[in-house]
Amino acid sequence: YVMDPVAARLRELLGEPVEKLDAAIGPEVEEALEDWDGRGVVLLENSRFYPGETKNDPGFADQLAAMADLYVDDAFGAAHRAHATTVGVAERLPAAAGLLMEEEIDYLDKVLENPERPFVAILGGAKVSDKLGVIESLLGTADSLLVGGAMGFTFFRALGYETGDSLVEDDYLEEAKRLMEEASDRLVLPVDIVVAEAMEEGAEFETVAANNIPQGKMGLDIGPETVDLFEGHISGANTIFWNGPMGVFEIDDFAKGTEGVARAVAQSGATSVVGGGDSVAAVNKLGLQDRMSHISTGGGASLEYVEGKELPGIAVLPEE
């Protein structure tokens, strides 16, 4: 996307002139900087329009770095990407983390390294394969790991449950079994599921036991008994990490589980870190954002950090 809306918003927030350019490098940028009087902000065009950005091209990074004396990275949401603006420029200039980057790292470290217990982790989303490393990492620290969303159906199939037409990753059944054996009762699965024949607005739905989803129907949300079960764990927590929806949050009939979890986290009084697009959308939709300790701007970045992976955009910054 072009940066024009960002420029307009910056003008509102800063009350200062913001000159938005139509390029990120080249003669237009060089001329604008030569003419700049130092007031306000000069905003470059989106670097993603240049192939050199995602390739971390040395030449592209050189051109960007030549325009600056200091590099401050506040883009935690892109910290897991080794791009020119997240890594290349930082290698060429004195670099520092911005205040948001610092806050993100501080909260995640608090959750991962020294959580006030009980520590409850909540994971949703579609696939076990996407969050396998995260599950393993959280099982090493969390007192309870609550699993919702479509990823739960792979665990159900591994237990021998009827899953109907629900999304199941057959290639990960053995991994699911292993995780359940290692976690014992710390891994908490739904006990009832909202099902329908189609994933669409207005589809007829019903709530069934988690171990008996009918053929021809698919699970699209956790049921009310599961919301109560999860609320019981959440209400007793002192630290909470939540990433991923409990159902198809985009459709109102299948958003109740996600909304119930959001309310429970808000009411818990715990230190709470919320990440992931749908989780954050639920919090914002309900107007609960001010009741969460920290809403992360990083979806993939926060998950990779929790998993213990090195994030290139953080690794390149000096530790001090």
Protein backbone atom coordinates (compact mmCIF):
# COMPACT_ATOMS: atom_id res chain seq x y z
CA TYR A 1 0.00 0.00 0.00
CA VAL A 2 1.08 3.59 -0.61
CA MET A 3 1.97 5.68 2.42
CA ASP A 4 -0.44 8.57 1.78
CA PRO A 5 -2.89 7.58 4.57
CA VAL A 6 0.05 7.26 6.97
CA ALA A 7 1.20 10.76 6.04
CA ALA A 8 -2.28 12.16 6.66
CA ARG A 9 -2.49 10.51 10.07
CA LEU A 10 1.00 11.67 11.04
CA ARG A 11 0.01 15.26 10.25
CA GLU A 12 -2.98 14.90 12.59
CA LEU A 13 -0.94 13.36 15.40
CA LEU A 14 2.13 15.58 15.18
CA GLY A 15 0.60 18.88 14.17
CA GLU A 16 3.68 19.30 12.00
CA PRO A 17 4.23 19.35 8.22
CA VAL A 18 4.70 15.89 6.71
CA GLU A 19 6.08 15.78 3.18
CA LYS A 20 5.25 12.44 1.60
CA LEU A 21 7.44 11.43 -1.34
CA ASP A 22 6.53 9.08 -4.18
CA ALA A 23 9.81 7.17 -3.94
CA ALA A 24 12.03 5.64 -1.26
CA ILE A 25 15.36 6.13 -3.07
CA GLY A 26 16.64 8.03 -6.08
CA PRO A 27 16.89 11.62 -7.37
CA GLU A 28 13.45 12.74 -6.09
CA VAL A 29 14.36 11.71 -2.55
CA GLU A 30 17.85 13.21 -2.72
CA GLU A 31 16.48 16.56 -3.96
CA ALA A 32 13.76 16.63 -1.30
CA LEU A 33 16.29 16.02 1.47
CA GLU A 34 18.62 18.70 0.11
CA ASP A 35 15.75 21.21 0.17
CA TRP A 36 14.38 20.09 3.56
CA ASP A 37 14.60 22.75 6.27
CA GLY A 38 14.62 20.21 9.12
CA ARG A 39 11.05 20.96 10.21
CA GLY A 40 8.44 18.22 10.44
CA VAL A 41 8.84 14.89 8.68
CA VAL A 42 9.87 13.65 5.26
CA LEU A 43 8.07 10.34 4.67
CA LEU A 44 9.40 7.95 2.03
CA GLU A 45 7.20 5.72 -0.10
CA ASN A 46 6.64 2.10 0.95
CA SER A 47 9.93 0.22 0.58
CA ARG A 48 8.02 -2.96 -0.28
CA PHE A 49 7.52 -1.54 -3.78
CA TYR A 50 11.23 -2.22 -4.37
CA PRO A 51 12.44 -5.82 -4.99
CA GLY A 52 15.56 -5.03 -3.00
CA GLU A 53 13.56 -4.64 0.21
CA THR A 54 12.49 -8.25 0.75
CA LYS A 55 15.79 -9.56 -0.69
CA ASN A 56 17.78 -7.40 1.76
CA ASP A 57 19.72 -6.21 -1.27
CA PRO A 58 23.02 -4.55 -0.21
CA GLY A 59 22.73 -1.82 -2.84
CA PHE A 60 19.21 -0.91 -1.76
CA ALA A 61 20.24 -0.89 1.90
CA ASP A 62 23.24 1.31 1.04
CA GLN A 63 21.00 3.90 -0.63
CA LEU A 64 18.62 4.00 2.33
CA ALA A 65 21.41 4.20 4.91
CA ALA A 66 23.13 7.03 3.01
CA MET A 67 20.19 9.30 3.88
CA ALA A 68 20.47 8.91 7.66
CA ASP A 69 22.76 9.30 10.65
CA LEU A 70 20.88 6.97 13.00
CA TYR A 71 18.49 4.02 12.62
CA VAL A 72 15.63 3.38 15.08
CA ASP A 73 13.58 0.21 14.57
CA ASP A 74 10.09 0.29 16.07
CA ALA A 75 8.59 -2.32 13.73
CA PHE A 76 8.26 -5.36 15.99
CA GLY A 77 5.62 -6.79 13.63
CA ALA A 78 8.30 -7.11 10.93
CA ALA A 79 11.16 -8.19 13.21
CA HIS A 80 10.97 -11.80 12.00
CA ARG A 81 11.78 -10.71 8.43
CA ALA A 82 15.37 -10.21 7.25
CA HIS A 83 14.63 -7.28 4.93
CA ALA A 84 16.64 -4.25 3.93
CA THR A 85 14.76 -1.91 6.27
CA THR A 86 14.80 -4.32 9.22
CA VAL A 87 18.35 -5.68 8.93
CA GLY A 88 20.35 -4.12 6.08
CA VAL A 89 20.09 -0.50 7.21
CA ALA A 90 20.70 -1.46 10.86
CA GLU A 91 23.99 -3.08 9.83
CA ARG A 92 25.14 0.18 8.24
CA LEU A 93 24.22 2.77 10.87
CA PRO A 94 24.26 3.25 14.64
CA ALA A 95 21.04 1.43 15.56
CA ALA A 96 18.59 1.27 18.44
CA ALA A 97 15.23 -0.24 19.32
CA GLY A 98 12.25 2.10 19.49
CA LEU A 99 9.97 2.38 22.51
CA LEU A 100 7.33 0.02 21.06
CA MET A 101 9.95 -2.59 20.17
CA GLU A 102 11.32 -2.35 23.71
CA GLU A 103 7.84 -2.71 25.23
CA GLU A 104 7.04 -5.76 23.07
CA ILE A 105 10.23 -7.53 24.10
CA ASP A 106 9.80 -6.62 27.78
CA TYR A 107 6.26 -8.02 27.95
CA LEU A 108 7.08 -11.21 26.06
CA ASP A 109 10.16 -11.80 28.21
CA LYS A 110 8.04 -11.30 31.33
CA VAL A 111 5.62 -13.97 30.09
CA LEU A 112 8.26 -16.43 28.95
CA GLU A 113 11.03 -16.09 31.50
CA ASN A 114 9.45 -15.16 34.80
CA PRO A 115 5.64 -15.28 34.68
CA GLU A 116 3.67 -14.69 37.85
CA ARG A 117 1.80 -17.95 38.34
CA PRO A 118 -0.60 -19.41 37.53
CA PHE A 119 0.40 -18.76 33.90
CA VAL A 120 -2.36 -19.59 31.39
CA ALA A 121 -1.66 -19.67 27.64
CA ILE A 122 -4.51 -19.62 25.12
CA LEU A 123 -3.93 -20.68 21.51
CA GLY A 124 -6.39 -20.68 18.64
CA GLY A 125 -6.26 -20.63 14.88
CA ALA A 126 -6.56 -23.17 12.13
CA LYS A 127 -3.53 -25.44 12.08
CA VAL A 128 -1.42 -27.36 14.58
CA SER A 129 1.40 -27.28 12.03
CA ASP A 130 1.57 -23.48 12.22
CA LYS A 131 1.95 -23.46 16.01
CA LEU A 132 3.71 -26.72 16.82
CA GLY A 133 6.87 -25.02 18.07
CA VAL A 134 4.84 -22.46 20.02
CA ILE A 135 2.83 -25.21 21.72
CA GLU A 136 6.01 -27.04 22.71
CA SER A 137 7.57 -23.85 24.06
CA LEU A 138 4.49 -22.85 26.07
CA LEU A 139 4.09 -26.34 27.51
CA GLY A 140 7.53 -25.81 29.00
CA THR A 141 6.37 -22.78 30.98
CA ALA A 142 2.56 -22.57 31.17
CA ASP A 143 0.50 -24.08 33.98
CA SER A 144 -2.40 -24.51 31.55
CA LEU A 145 -2.59 -24.34 27.75
CA LEU A 146 -6.13 -23.81 26.44
CA VAL A 147 -6.60 -24.87 22.82
CA GLY A 148 -9.41 -23.55 20.62
CA GLY A 149 -10.02 -22.92 16.95
CA ALA A 150 -9.75 -25.48 14.18
CA MET A 151 -6.40 -26.71 15.47
CA GLY A 152 -8.32 -28.52 18.20
CA PHE A 153 -9.82 -30.97 15.70
CA THR A 154 -6.45 -32.55 14.98
CA PHE A 155 -6.15 -33.30 18.71
CA PHE A 156 -9.71 -34.71 18.69
CA ARG A 157 -8.93 -37.04 15.77
CA ALA A 158 -5.78 -38.18 17.58
CA LEU A 159 -8.02 -39.11 20.53
CA GLY A 160 -10.28 -41.13 18.23
CA TYR A 161 -13.16 -38.63 18.28
CA GLU A 162 -15.59 -38.18 15.41
CA THR A 163 -14.68 -34.89 13.74
CA GLY A 164 -17.18 -34.79 10.86
CA ASP A 165 -16.06 -32.43 8.10
CA SER A 166 -13.89 -30.32 10.41
CA LEU A 167 -10.38 -29.31 9.39
CA VAL A 168 -7.94 -32.02 10.49
CA GLU A 169 -4.22 -32.32 9.71
CA ASP A 170 -3.76 -36.07 9.42
CA ASP A 171 0.00 -35.69 9.02
CA TYR A 172 0.19 -34.27 12.55
CA LEU A 173 -1.84 -36.83 14.47
CA GLU A 174 1.24 -38.46 15.99
CA GLU A 175 2.60 -35.05 17.01
CA ALA A 176 -0.74 -34.24 18.62
CA LYS A 177 -0.67 -37.52 20.56
CA ARG A 178 2.87 -36.83 21.74
CA LEU A 179 1.98 -33.32 22.91
CA MET A 180 -1.03 -34.58 24.85
CA GLU A 181 1.05 -37.29 26.51
CA GLU A 182 3.77 -34.81 27.49
CA ALA A 183 1.31 -32.18 28.71
CA SER A 184 -1.03 -34.50 30.60
CA ASP A 185 -3.86 -32.42 32.07
CA ARG A 186 -2.10 -29.10 31.40
CA LEU A 187 -3.35 -29.13 27.79
CA VAL A 188 -7.06 -28.26 27.95
CA LEU A 189 -9.28 -29.06 24.95
CA PRO A 190 -12.87 -27.94 24.25
CA VAL A 191 -15.70 -30.08 25.61
CA ASP A 192 -18.39 -28.83 23.22
CA ILE A 193 -18.35 -27.43 19.71
CA VAL A 194 -20.65 -25.24 17.60
CA VAL A 195 -21.12 -26.99 14.23
CA ALA A 196 -22.78 -26.21 10.90
CA GLU A 197 -22.90 -27.64 7.38
CA ALA A 198 -21.31 -24.55 5.87
CA MET A 199 -18.94 -21.81 6.93
CA GLU A 200 -21.19 -18.91 6.00
CA GLU A 201 -23.39 -16.21 7.48
CA GLY A 202 -26.89 -17.47 8.23
CA ALA A 203 -25.96 -21.18 8.24
CA GLU A 204 -28.00 -23.31 10.66
CA PHE A 205 -25.86 -24.34 13.61
CA GLU A 206 -26.04 -26.43 16.76
CA THR A 207 -23.84 -27.25 19.73
CA VAL A 208 -22.61 -30.84 20.13
CA ALA A 209 -20.23 -32.75 22.38
CA ALA A 210 -16.62 -32.37 21.30
CA ASN A 211 -16.19 -36.13 20.89
CA ASN A 212 -19.11 -36.57 18.50
CA ILE A 213 -19.22 -34.06 15.64
CA PRO A 214 -21.74 -35.40 13.07
CA GLN A 215 -20.76 -36.33 9.53
CA GLY A 216 -21.58 -33.56 7.09
CA LYS A 217 -20.94 -30.87 9.69
CA MET A 218 -17.84 -28.94 10.65
CA GLY A 219 -16.75 -27.36 13.90
CA LEU A 220 -16.73 -23.56 13.66
CA ASP A 221 -16.50 -22.36 17.28
CA ILE A 222 -16.10 -23.56 20.85
CA GLY A 223 -19.38 -24.08 22.70
CA PRO A 224 -20.74 -22.41 25.85
CA GLU A 225 -19.56 -25.18 28.20
CA THR A 226 -16.04 -24.73 26.86
CA VAL A 227 -16.25 -20.98 27.34
CA ASP A 228 -17.18 -21.64 30.99
CA LEU A 229 -14.33 -24.16 31.31
CA PHE A 230 -11.80 -21.74 29.84
CA GLU A 231 -13.14 -18.87 31.98
CA GLY A 232 -12.43 -20.97 35.06
CA HIS A 233 -8.76 -21.28 34.13
CA ILE A 234 -8.48 -17.64 33.02
CA SER A 235 -10.10 -16.18 36.14
CA GLY A 236 -7.49 -17.82 38.37
CA ALA A 237 -4.51 -16.73 36.28
CA ASN A 238 -1.93 -14.11 37.17
CA THR A 239 -0.29 -14.16 33.73
CA ILE A 240 -2.03 -14.76 30.37
CA PHE A 241 -0.73 -15.10 26.80
CA TRP A 242 -3.41 -15.29 24.09
CA ASN A 243 -2.90 -15.74 20.36
CA GLY A 244 -5.55 -16.86 17.90
CA PRO A 245 -9.36 -17.01 17.67
CA MET A 246 -11.54 -19.74 19.15
CA GLY A 247 -13.68 -19.98 16.01
CA VAL A 248 -14.56 -18.33 12.71
CA PHE A 249 -14.59 -14.90 14.29
CA GLU A 250 -15.53 -13.11 11.05
CA ILE A 251 -19.05 -14.63 11.22
CA ASP A 252 -21.12 -13.42 14.19
CA ASP A 253 -22.71 -16.81 14.94
CA PHE A 254 -19.25 -18.34 15.35
CA ALA A 255 -17.60 -15.46 17.22
CA LYS A 256 -19.10 -16.17 20.66
CA GLY A 257 -16.19 -18.28 21.87
CA THR A 258 -13.57 -15.70 20.93
CA GLU A 259 -15.65 -12.93 22.49
CA GLY A 260 -16.15 -14.96 25.68
CA VAL A 261 -12.41 -15.52 26.02
CA ALA A 262 -11.75 -11.82 25.39
CA ARG A 263 -14.14 -10.80 28.17
CA ALA A 264 -12.65 -13.37 30.55
CA VAL A 265 -9.11 -12.14 29.93
CA ALA A 266 -10.22 -8.52 30.42
CA GLN A 267 -11.92 -9.34 33.72
CA SER A 268 -9.12 -11.53 35.07
CA GLY A 269 -6.90 -8.77 36.46
CA ALA A 270 -3.89 -10.75 35.24
CA THR A 271 -0.91 -9.47 33.30
CA SER A 272 -2.22 -10.18 29.80
CA VAL A 273 -0.44 -10.21 26.45
CA VAL A 274 -2.70 -10.51 23.40
CA GLY A 275 -1.45 -11.04 19.84
CA GLY A 276 -2.73 -12.15 16.47
CA GLY A 277 -5.12 -10.32 14.16
CA ASP A 278 -8.42 -11.96 15.16
CA SER A 279 -7.66 -11.97 18.88
CA VAL A 280 -6.86 -8.26 18.77
CA ALA A 281 -9.91 -7.60 16.54
CA ALA A 282 -12.16 -9.26 19.14
CA VAL A 283 -10.66 -7.17 21.93
CA ASN A 284 -11.11 -3.97 19.92
CA LYS A 285 -14.64 -4.87 18.80
CA LEU A 286 -15.70 -5.27 22.43
CA GLY A 287 -13.89 -2.11 23.51
CA LEU A 288 -11.67 -4.04 25.91
CA GLN A 289 -8.27 -2.89 24.67
CA ASP A 290 -7.65 -0.69 27.71
CA ARG A 291 -8.23 -3.68 30.01
CA MET A 292 -5.38 -5.69 28.51
CA SER A 293 -1.84 -5.18 29.79
CA HIS A 294 -0.32 -5.34 26.33
CA ILE A 295 -1.72 -5.79 22.82
CA SER A 296 1.08 -6.99 20.58
CA THR A 297 1.58 -5.56 17.10
CA GLY A 298 3.33 -8.76 16.08
CA GLY A 299 1.41 -11.78 14.84
CA GLY A 300 4.08 -13.99 13.29
CA ALA A 301 6.83 -12.09 15.07
CA SER A 302 5.40 -12.67 18.54
CA LEU A 303 4.82 -16.36 17.83
CA GLU A 304 8.37 -16.86 16.58
CA TYR A 305 9.69 -15.02 19.64
CA VAL A 306 7.64 -17.27 21.93
CA GLU A 307 8.90 -20.29 20.01
CA GLY A 308 12.44 -19.24 20.85
CA LYS A 309 13.53 -18.40 17.32
CA GLU A 310 16.00 -15.62 16.67
CA LEU A 311 14.27 -12.64 15.06
CA PRO A 312 16.61 -10.98 12.53
CA GLY A 313 15.24 -7.49 13.18
CA ILE A 314 16.06 -7.82 16.89
CA ALA A 315 19.30 -9.78 16.61
CA VAL A 316 20.87 -7.01 14.50
CA LEU A 317 20.29 -4.38 17.21
CA PRO A 318 22.90 -3.81 19.95
CA GLU A 319 21.85 -5.42 23.25
CA GLU A 320 22.35 -2.25 25.26
